Amino acid sequence: MTVKNEVERIVDRAKYELLAMLVEEKPESESGASLPEWLTAEQLADYWQLRNKQGTLTTAGLLKWIARKPEDFPLPHARMGDLIRFHRTEVDQWAREEATRRGARRSKTPVTDTNSDSKLRHTLTAVG
């Protein structure tokens, strides 16, 4: 094996290992902590960097989005007794869809729901 072939092999392996690490990397909150799959309102506010005018984290917007009517696409969440939790993947998807809906409202273009079961996913209810 030539030096050139050996270098190419090492570079290819490093490239694949780096890609694998990036795929496995968990998102971090603004504070740098690794995020769990299910988030509290405070963790989600930190992750989304929701701050009031004084610069402190606020969950008021989250609670407002949760309270929306089903036809107004509420923020997906699960209730476990009096606890509210947010599935990170679902709320990230909701945020992308909400940005599309808001952009369409500004441009007066109707948005068709590309995800047929997104209304079904809008609120998760934990039994327990």
N, C-alpha and C. Protein backbone atom coordinates (compact mmCIF):
# COMPACT_ATOMS: atom_id res chain seq x y z
N MET A 1 0.84 -1.17 0.00
CA MET A 1 0.00 0.00 0.00
C MET A 1 0.89 1.23 0.00
N THR A 2 0.58 2.17 -0.87
CA THR A 2 1.37 3.38 -0.96
C THR A 2 0.97 4.36 0.14
N VAL A 3 1.84 5.34 0.37
CA VAL A 3 1.57 6.36 1.38
C VAL A 3 0.30 7.13 1.01
N LYS A 4 0.14 7.40 -0.28
CA LYS A 4 -1.05 8.14 -0.75
C LYS A 4 -2.32 7.35 -0.42
N ASN A 5 -2.32 6.07 -0.69
CA ASN A 5 -3.49 5.24 -0.40
C ASN A 5 -3.78 5.19 1.10
N GLU A 6 -2.72 5.09 1.89
CA GLU A 6 -2.88 5.05 3.34
C GLU A 6 -3.48 6.36 3.85
N VAL A 7 -3.00 7.48 3.35
CA VAL A 7 -3.53 8.79 3.76
C VAL A 7 -5.01 8.91 3.34
N GLU A 8 -5.34 8.49 2.15
CA GLU A 8 -6.74 8.54 1.68
C GLU A 8 -7.63 7.67 2.57
N ARG A 9 -7.13 6.50 2.96
CA ARG A 9 -7.89 5.61 3.82
C ARG A 9 -8.13 6.26 5.18
N ILE A 10 -7.11 6.88 5.73
CA ILE A 10 -7.23 7.54 7.04
C ILE A 10 -8.21 8.71 6.96
N VAL A 11 -8.12 9.50 5.91
CA VAL A 11 -9.02 10.65 5.73
C VAL A 11 -10.46 10.18 5.58
N ASP A 12 -10.68 9.13 4.79
CA ASP A 12 -12.04 8.60 4.62
C ASP A 12 -12.60 8.11 5.95
N ARG A 13 -11.77 7.40 6.70
CA ARG A 13 -12.24 6.89 8.00
C ARG A 13 -12.57 8.04 8.93
N ALA A 14 -11.72 9.04 8.98
CA ALA A 14 -11.96 10.21 9.83
C ALA A 14 -13.25 10.93 9.42
N LYS A 15 -13.47 11.02 8.12
CA LYS A 15 -14.69 11.67 7.61
C LYS A 15 -15.93 10.93 8.09
N TYR A 16 -15.93 9.61 7.97
CA TYR A 16 -17.09 8.82 8.40
C TYR A 16 -17.29 8.87 9.91
N GLU A 17 -16.19 8.85 10.66
CA GLU A 17 -16.31 8.93 12.11
C GLU A 17 -16.86 10.30 12.54
N LEU A 18 -16.43 11.36 11.89
CA LEU A 18 -16.92 12.70 12.19
C LEU A 18 -18.41 12.80 11.88
N LEU A 19 -18.82 12.27 10.74
CA LEU A 19 -20.25 12.29 10.38
C LEU A 19 -21.07 11.51 11.41
N ALA A 20 -20.56 10.38 11.85
CA ALA A 20 -21.26 9.58 12.85
C ALA A 20 -21.40 10.35 14.17
N MET A 21 -20.36 11.07 14.57
CA MET A 21 -20.43 11.87 15.79
C MET A 21 -21.45 12.99 15.65
N LEU A 22 -21.50 13.64 14.49
CA LEU A 22 -22.46 14.71 14.28
C LEU A 22 -23.89 14.21 14.32
N VAL A 23 -24.13 13.04 13.77
CA VAL A 23 -25.47 12.47 13.77
C VAL A 23 -25.90 12.13 15.19
N GLU A 24 -25.00 11.65 16.01
CA GLU A 24 -25.31 11.26 17.38
C GLU A 24 -25.36 12.43 18.33
N GLU A 25 -24.86 13.59 17.94
CA GLU A 25 -24.77 14.75 18.83
C GLU A 25 -26.15 15.22 19.25
N LYS A 26 -26.34 15.37 20.56
CA LYS A 26 -27.61 15.86 21.09
C LYS A 26 -27.57 17.38 21.12
N PRO A 27 -28.73 18.02 20.87
CA PRO A 27 -28.77 19.48 20.96
C PRO A 27 -28.44 19.94 22.38
N GLU A 28 -27.97 21.15 22.48
CA GLU A 28 -27.66 21.72 23.77
C GLU A 28 -28.51 22.94 24.01
N SER A 29 -28.76 23.24 25.27
CA SER A 29 -29.47 24.44 25.63
C SER A 29 -28.50 25.61 25.53
N GLU A 30 -29.03 26.82 25.71
CA GLU A 30 -28.19 28.00 25.65
C GLU A 30 -27.08 27.93 26.71
N SER A 31 -27.37 27.29 27.84
CA SER A 31 -26.38 27.18 28.91
C SER A 31 -25.32 26.13 28.61
N GLY A 32 -25.50 25.35 27.52
CA GLY A 32 -24.51 24.36 27.13
C GLY A 32 -24.80 22.97 27.64
N ALA A 33 -25.85 22.80 28.43
CA ALA A 33 -26.20 21.47 28.95
C ALA A 33 -26.85 20.63 27.85
N SER A 34 -26.55 19.35 27.84
CA SER A 34 -27.17 18.44 26.89
C SER A 34 -28.65 18.29 27.24
N LEU A 35 -29.50 18.30 26.23
CA LEU A 35 -30.94 18.27 26.47
C LEU A 35 -31.49 16.85 26.47
N PRO A 36 -32.42 16.58 27.40
CA PRO A 36 -33.08 15.28 27.40
C PRO A 36 -34.13 15.23 26.29
N GLU A 37 -34.68 14.05 26.04
CA GLU A 37 -35.71 13.88 25.02
C GLU A 37 -36.99 14.61 25.41
N TRP A 38 -37.36 14.57 26.69
CA TRP A 38 -38.54 15.26 27.20
C TRP A 38 -38.07 16.45 28.03
N LEU A 39 -38.61 17.64 27.71
CA LEU A 39 -38.17 18.88 28.34
C LEU A 39 -39.24 19.46 29.25
N THR A 40 -38.81 20.12 30.32
CA THR A 40 -39.72 20.93 31.12
C THR A 40 -39.93 22.25 30.37
N ALA A 41 -40.89 23.05 30.82
CA ALA A 41 -41.12 24.35 30.20
C ALA A 41 -39.88 25.23 30.32
N GLU A 42 -39.21 25.17 31.45
CA GLU A 42 -38.01 25.98 31.65
C GLU A 42 -36.88 25.54 30.72
N GLN A 43 -36.72 24.22 30.56
CA GLN A 43 -35.68 23.72 29.65
C GLN A 43 -35.98 24.12 28.21
N LEU A 44 -37.25 24.04 27.80
CA LEU A 44 -37.61 24.43 26.44
C LEU A 44 -37.40 25.93 26.24
N ALA A 45 -37.76 26.74 27.22
CA ALA A 45 -37.54 28.18 27.12
C ALA A 45 -36.05 28.50 26.97
N ASP A 46 -35.22 27.78 27.71
CA ASP A 46 -33.76 27.96 27.60
C ASP A 46 -33.27 27.52 26.23
N TYR A 47 -33.73 26.36 25.77
CA TYR A 47 -33.34 25.82 24.46
C TYR A 47 -33.74 26.77 23.33
N TRP A 48 -34.95 27.32 23.40
CA TRP A 48 -35.43 28.25 22.37
C TRP A 48 -35.03 29.70 22.64
N GLN A 49 -34.33 29.94 23.75
CA GLN A 49 -33.85 31.27 24.12
C GLN A 49 -35.00 32.27 24.23
N LEU A 50 -36.06 31.87 24.94
CA LEU A 50 -37.22 32.73 25.15
C LEU A 50 -36.95 33.60 26.38
N ARG A 51 -36.75 34.87 26.15
CA ARG A 51 -36.40 35.79 27.23
C ARG A 51 -37.33 37.00 27.20
N ASN A 52 -37.59 37.54 28.38
CA ASN A 52 -38.39 38.76 28.46
C ASN A 52 -37.48 39.97 28.28
N LYS A 53 -38.04 41.17 28.41
CA LYS A 53 -37.25 42.39 28.18
C LYS A 53 -36.11 42.56 29.18
N GLN A 54 -36.26 41.94 30.35
CA GLN A 54 -35.20 42.02 31.36
C GLN A 54 -34.10 40.98 31.11
N GLY A 55 -34.31 40.10 30.14
CA GLY A 55 -33.30 39.11 29.79
C GLY A 55 -33.41 37.80 30.55
N THR A 56 -34.47 37.62 31.35
CA THR A 56 -34.63 36.36 32.07
C THR A 56 -35.52 35.42 31.25
N LEU A 57 -35.32 34.12 31.47
CA LEU A 57 -36.13 33.12 30.76
C LEU A 57 -37.60 33.30 31.10
N THR A 58 -38.45 33.09 30.10
CA THR A 58 -39.88 33.18 30.32
C THR A 58 -40.59 32.01 29.64
N THR A 59 -41.59 31.47 30.32
CA THR A 59 -42.39 30.38 29.77
C THR A 59 -43.78 30.85 29.36
N ALA A 60 -44.05 32.14 29.45
CA ALA A 60 -45.39 32.68 29.16
C ALA A 60 -45.83 32.34 27.73
N GLY A 61 -44.94 32.47 26.77
CA GLY A 61 -45.29 32.16 25.39
C GLY A 61 -45.62 30.69 25.21
N LEU A 62 -44.87 29.84 25.88
CA LEU A 62 -45.14 28.39 25.80
C LEU A 62 -46.54 28.08 26.31
N LEU A 63 -46.90 28.66 27.44
CA LEU A 63 -48.21 28.40 28.02
C LEU A 63 -49.32 28.94 27.12
N LYS A 64 -49.06 30.06 26.48
CA LYS A 64 -50.04 30.62 25.54
C LYS A 64 -50.20 29.70 24.33
N TRP A 65 -49.09 29.17 23.81
CA TRP A 65 -49.16 28.27 22.64
C TRP A 65 -49.83 26.95 23.00
N ILE A 66 -49.64 26.47 24.22
CA ILE A 66 -50.30 25.24 24.66
C ILE A 66 -51.82 25.43 24.68
N ALA A 67 -52.27 26.62 25.10
CA ALA A 67 -53.70 26.89 25.30
C ALA A 67 -54.46 27.13 23.98
N ARG A 68 -53.77 27.14 22.85
CA ARG A 68 -54.47 27.36 21.58
C ARG A 68 -55.52 26.28 21.34
N LYS A 69 -56.54 26.65 20.57
CA LYS A 69 -57.55 25.68 20.14
C LYS A 69 -56.90 24.70 19.17
N PRO A 70 -57.44 23.48 19.08
CA PRO A 70 -56.84 22.48 18.18
C PRO A 70 -56.68 22.96 16.74
N GLU A 71 -57.63 23.73 16.24
CA GLU A 71 -57.54 24.22 14.85
C GLU A 71 -56.49 25.33 14.69
N ASP A 72 -55.96 25.84 15.80
CA ASP A 72 -54.93 26.88 15.76
C ASP A 72 -53.54 26.32 16.02
N PHE A 73 -53.39 25.00 15.93
CA PHE A 73 -52.09 24.33 16.05
C PHE A 73 -51.38 24.62 17.38
N PRO A 74 -51.91 24.09 18.49
CA PRO A 74 -51.23 24.30 19.78
C PRO A 74 -49.87 23.61 19.84
N LEU A 75 -49.04 24.08 20.72
CA LEU A 75 -47.72 23.49 20.93
C LEU A 75 -47.90 22.07 21.49
N PRO A 76 -47.30 21.05 20.86
CA PRO A 76 -47.45 19.67 21.36
C PRO A 76 -46.82 19.52 22.74
N HIS A 77 -47.53 18.83 23.60
CA HIS A 77 -47.06 18.63 24.97
C HIS A 77 -47.73 17.41 25.56
N ALA A 78 -47.23 16.99 26.69
CA ALA A 78 -47.83 15.88 27.44
C ALA A 78 -48.04 16.36 28.86
N ARG A 79 -49.17 15.96 29.42
CA ARG A 79 -49.46 16.28 30.82
C ARG A 79 -49.33 14.99 31.63
N MET A 80 -48.59 15.08 32.69
CA MET A 80 -48.44 13.98 33.62
C MET A 80 -48.86 14.51 34.98
N GLY A 81 -50.16 14.41 35.25
CA GLY A 81 -50.69 15.06 36.45
C GLY A 81 -50.66 16.56 36.21
N ASP A 82 -50.03 17.29 37.10
CA ASP A 82 -49.93 18.74 36.90
C ASP A 82 -48.62 19.14 36.22
N LEU A 83 -47.81 18.16 35.83
CA LEU A 83 -46.56 18.44 35.13
C LEU A 83 -46.80 18.51 33.62
N ILE A 84 -46.12 19.43 32.96
CA ILE A 84 -46.18 19.54 31.51
C ILE A 84 -44.79 19.24 30.97
N ARG A 85 -44.72 18.39 29.95
CA ARG A 85 -43.45 18.05 29.31
C ARG A 85 -43.59 18.20 27.80
N PHE A 86 -42.46 18.48 27.16
CA PHE A 86 -42.41 18.70 25.72
C PHE A 86 -41.41 17.73 25.10
N HIS A 87 -41.83 17.00 24.09
CA HIS A 87 -40.93 16.10 23.37
C HIS A 87 -40.11 16.96 22.40
N ARG A 88 -38.80 16.95 22.56
CA ARG A 88 -37.92 17.85 21.82
C ARG A 88 -38.12 17.77 20.31
N THR A 89 -38.20 16.57 19.75
CA THR A 89 -38.35 16.41 18.30
C THR A 89 -39.68 17.02 17.82
N GLU A 90 -40.74 16.78 18.59
CA GLU A 90 -42.06 17.28 18.19
C GLU A 90 -42.16 18.79 18.28
N VAL A 91 -41.58 19.39 19.33
CA VAL A 91 -41.67 20.85 19.43
C VAL A 91 -40.77 21.53 18.40
N ASP A 92 -39.66 20.90 18.05
CA ASP A 92 -38.82 21.45 16.98
C ASP A 92 -39.58 21.43 15.65
N GLN A 93 -40.29 20.33 15.38
CA GLN A 93 -41.10 20.23 14.17
C GLN A 93 -42.21 21.28 14.19
N TRP A 94 -42.86 21.44 15.33
CA TRP A 94 -43.92 22.44 15.47
C TRP A 94 -43.38 23.84 15.19
N ALA A 95 -42.19 24.15 15.69
CA ALA A 95 -41.60 25.47 15.48
C ALA A 95 -41.35 25.72 13.99
N ARG A 96 -40.87 24.70 13.27
CA ARG A 96 -40.66 24.86 11.83
C ARG A 96 -42.00 25.09 11.12
N GLU A 97 -43.01 24.30 11.49
CA GLU A 97 -44.33 24.45 10.88
C GLU A 97 -44.95 25.80 11.23
N GLU A 98 -44.77 26.25 12.47
CA GLU A 98 -45.30 27.54 12.90
C GLU A 98 -44.65 28.68 12.13
N ALA A 99 -43.35 28.58 11.88
CA ALA A 99 -42.67 29.61 11.08
C ALA A 99 -43.25 29.66 9.67
N THR A 100 -43.54 28.50 9.10
CA THR A 100 -44.15 28.45 7.76
C THR A 100 -45.54 29.07 7.79
N ARG A 101 -46.34 28.73 8.81
CA ARG A 101 -47.70 29.30 8.93
C ARG A 101 -47.64 30.81 9.08
N ARG A 102 -46.74 31.30 9.93
CA ARG A 102 -46.63 32.75 10.14
C ARG A 102 -46.16 33.45 8.87
N GLY A 103 -45.24 32.84 8.15
CA GLY A 103 -44.78 33.43 6.89
C GLY A 103 -45.90 33.50 5.88
N ALA A 104 -46.73 32.45 5.84
CA ALA A 104 -47.85 32.42 4.91
C ALA A 104 -48.89 33.49 5.28
N ARG A 105 -49.12 33.68 6.59
CA ARG A 105 -50.07 34.71 7.02
C ARG A 105 -49.59 36.09 6.60
N ARG A 106 -48.30 36.33 6.71
CA ARG A 106 -47.75 37.64 6.32
C ARG A 106 -47.90 37.88 4.82
N SER A 107 -47.71 36.81 4.04
CA SER A 107 -47.81 36.96 2.59
C SER A 107 -49.21 36.63 2.07
N LYS A 108 -50.13 36.31 3.00
CA LYS A 108 -51.52 36.00 2.66
C LYS A 108 -51.66 34.77 1.76
N THR A 109 -50.68 33.86 1.81
CA THR A 109 -50.71 32.63 1.04
C THR A 109 -51.18 31.50 1.95
N PRO A 110 -52.23 30.78 1.57
CA PRO A 110 -52.66 29.67 2.43
C PRO A 110 -51.63 28.56 2.47
N VAL A 111 -51.49 27.96 3.65
CA VAL A 111 -50.56 26.86 3.83
C VAL A 111 -51.36 25.58 3.94
N THR A 112 -50.99 24.60 3.13
CA THR A 112 -51.62 23.29 3.28
C THR A 112 -50.76 22.48 4.21
N ASP A 113 -51.39 21.72 5.04
CA ASP A 113 -50.68 20.92 6.02
C ASP A 113 -50.00 19.76 5.31
N THR A 114 -48.66 19.79 5.28
CA THR A 114 -47.91 18.73 4.60
C THR A 114 -47.83 17.47 5.42
N ASN A 115 -48.08 17.59 6.71
CA ASN A 115 -48.04 16.43 7.58
C ASN A 115 -49.46 16.10 7.99
N SER A 116 -50.06 15.08 7.40
CA SER A 116 -51.48 14.79 7.58
C SER A 116 -51.86 14.51 9.02
N ASP A 117 -50.93 14.03 9.84
CA ASP A 117 -51.33 13.75 11.21
C ASP A 117 -50.83 14.79 12.20
N SER A 118 -50.41 15.97 11.73
CA SER A 118 -49.90 16.96 12.67
C SER A 118 -50.98 17.45 13.60
N LYS A 119 -52.24 17.53 13.13
CA LYS A 119 -53.31 17.93 14.03
C LYS A 119 -53.58 16.85 15.07
N LEU A 120 -53.36 15.59 14.71
CA LEU A 120 -53.54 14.51 15.66
C LEU A 120 -52.46 14.52 16.72
N ARG A 121 -51.27 15.02 16.36
CA ARG A 121 -50.14 15.03 17.27
C ARG A 121 -50.14 16.28 18.16
N HIS A 122 -51.05 17.23 17.90
CA HIS A 122 -50.93 18.53 18.54
C HIS A 122 -50.91 18.46 20.06
N THR A 123 -51.58 17.51 20.66
CA THR A 123 -51.55 17.39 22.11
C THR A 123 -51.42 15.93 22.49
N LEU A 124 -50.39 15.62 23.23
CA LEU A 124 -50.20 14.27 23.74
C LEU A 124 -50.75 14.25 25.16
N THR A 125 -51.46 13.23 25.48
CA THR A 125 -51.98 13.11 26.84
C THR A 125 -51.44 11.84 27.46
N ALA A 126 -50.75 12.00 28.53
CA ALA A 126 -50.20 10.83 29.23
C ALA A 126 -51.25 10.30 30.19
N VAL A 127 -51.39 9.02 30.19
CA VAL A 127 -52.32 8.37 31.11
C VAL A 127 -51.51 7.86 32.29
N GLY A 128 -51.94 8.16 33.46
CA GLY A 128 -51.15 7.65 34.57
C GLY A 128 -51.63 8.05 35.86
